[in-house]
């Protein structure tokens, strides 16, 4: 199956397509959604594991009297807060995305 991006033309001229083709397209999109959903759940599991390890280490550092916030943590926070895409993660943005039409 060919991967499609923002230029996906599968939803153009739907009124001209036969019902069988629409059903096949719907089945294909459901399958795509299932693959993405599975991948998202796997990634969230990995994130949870890493977050738990980080919390464990930070707790150890705090109990040992070490600093738990570093300069790089502050820089990362500044980068996050300076992001002007209003909640859109940089990893979600592709070259095909156009934010010129976003209302201020």
Protein backbone atom coordinates (compact mmCIF):
# COMPACT_ATOMS: atom_id res chain seq x y z
CA UNK A 1 0.00 0.00 0.00
CA UNK A 2 1.31 3.43 -0.91
CA UNK A 3 1.75 5.91 1.96
CA UNK A 4 -0.16 9.15 1.48
CA UNK A 5 0.62 12.54 2.98
CA UNK A 6 -1.12 15.89 3.19
CA UNK A 7 -1.59 15.80 -0.61
CA UNK A 8 -3.83 12.71 -0.33
CA UNK A 9 -6.31 12.85 -3.20
CA UNK A 10 -8.36 9.81 -2.16
CA UNK A 11 -11.15 12.03 -0.87
CA UNK A 12 -11.50 14.12 -4.02
CA UNK A 13 -14.53 13.73 -6.28
CA UNK A 14 -16.24 11.22 -4.02
CA UNK A 15 -19.57 11.86 -5.75
CA UNK A 16 -18.13 10.40 -8.97
CA UNK A 17 -16.93 7.13 -7.43
CA UNK A 18 -18.94 3.91 -7.29
CA UNK A 19 -20.18 2.65 -3.92
CA UNK A 20 -17.83 -0.36 -4.05
CA UNK A 21 -14.83 1.95 -4.37
CA UNK A 22 -16.05 4.08 -1.45
CA UNK A 23 -16.44 0.98 0.71
CA UNK A 24 -12.96 -0.22 -0.22
CA UNK A 25 -11.53 3.20 0.58
CA UNK A 26 -13.35 3.23 3.92
CA UNK A 27 -11.95 -0.22 4.75
CA UNK A 28 -8.45 0.97 3.81
CA UNK A 29 -8.75 4.05 6.01
CA UNK A 30 -10.05 1.97 8.94
CA UNK A 31 -7.02 -0.31 8.54
CA UNK A 32 -4.71 2.71 8.45
CA UNK A 33 -6.34 4.05 11.60
CA UNK A 34 -5.88 0.71 13.38
CA UNK A 35 -2.16 0.64 12.51
CA UNK A 36 -1.69 4.22 13.72
CA UNK A 37 -3.65 3.50 16.90
CA UNK A 38 -1.52 0.44 17.66
CA UNK A 39 1.68 2.38 17.07
CA UNK A 40 0.42 5.20 19.33
CA UNK A 41 -0.33 2.74 22.15
CA UNK A 42 3.14 1.20 21.84
CA UNK A 43 4.76 4.64 21.93
CA UNK A 44 2.70 5.67 24.96
CA UNK A 45 3.82 2.50 26.74
CA UNK A 46 7.46 3.34 26.03
CA UNK A 47 6.90 6.91 27.21
CA UNK A 48 5.35 5.62 30.45
CA UNK A 49 8.33 3.32 31.06
CA UNK A 50 10.84 6.10 30.45
CA UNK A 51 8.89 8.57 32.58
CA UNK A 52 8.75 6.10 35.47
CA UNK A 53 12.52 5.58 35.28
CA UNK A 54 13.12 9.32 35.20
CA UNK A 55 10.87 9.85 38.23
CA UNK A 56 12.69 7.06 40.08
CA UNK A 57 16.06 8.66 39.36
CA UNK A 58 14.86 12.15 40.29
CA UNK A 59 13.54 10.79 43.57
CA UNK A 60 16.94 9.20 44.26
CA UNK A 61 18.69 12.48 43.43
CA UNK A 62 16.38 14.46 45.72
CA UNK A 63 16.86 12.01 48.57
CA UNK A 64 20.64 12.25 48.08
CA UNK A 65 20.45 16.07 48.20
CA UNK A 66 21.44 16.59 44.55
CA UNK A 67 19.89 19.21 42.24
CA UNK A 68 16.94 17.78 40.34
CA UNK A 69 16.55 20.64 37.84
CA UNK A 70 19.46 21.27 35.48
CA UNK A 71 20.30 24.08 33.09
CA UNK A 72 19.32 21.86 30.16
CA UNK A 73 15.92 21.30 31.81
CA UNK A 74 15.41 25.06 31.95
CA UNK A 75 16.46 25.45 28.29
CA UNK A 76 14.03 22.70 27.26
CA UNK A 77 11.22 24.39 29.18
CA UNK A 78 12.01 27.70 27.47
CA UNK A 79 11.86 25.97 24.07
CA UNK A 80 8.52 24.38 24.91
CA UNK A 81 7.01 27.64 26.14
CA UNK A 82 8.37 29.57 23.15
CA UNK A 83 6.67 27.21 20.68
CA UNK A 84 4.15 29.37 18.78
CA UNK A 85 2.13 26.52 17.26
CA UNK A 86 -0.36 26.58 20.17
CA UNK A 87 -0.06 23.02 21.45
CA UNK A 88 1.10 21.36 18.24
CA UNK A 89 4.21 19.31 18.83
CA UNK A 90 7.13 19.96 16.50
CA UNK A 91 7.14 16.25 15.66
CA UNK A 92 3.55 16.57 14.43
CA UNK A 93 4.44 19.28 11.92
CA UNK A 94 5.64 18.33 8.45
CA UNK A 95 6.81 20.43 5.53
CA UNK A 96 3.37 19.90 3.97
CA UNK A 97 1.59 21.55 6.92
CA UNK A 98 0.45 25.11 6.34
CA UNK A 99 -0.15 27.24 9.43
CA UNK A 100 -0.62 30.51 7.54
CA UNK A 101 -4.40 30.06 7.75
CA UNK A 102 -4.44 29.65 11.56
CA UNK A 103 -6.45 32.41 13.23
CA UNK A 104 -4.61 34.48 15.84
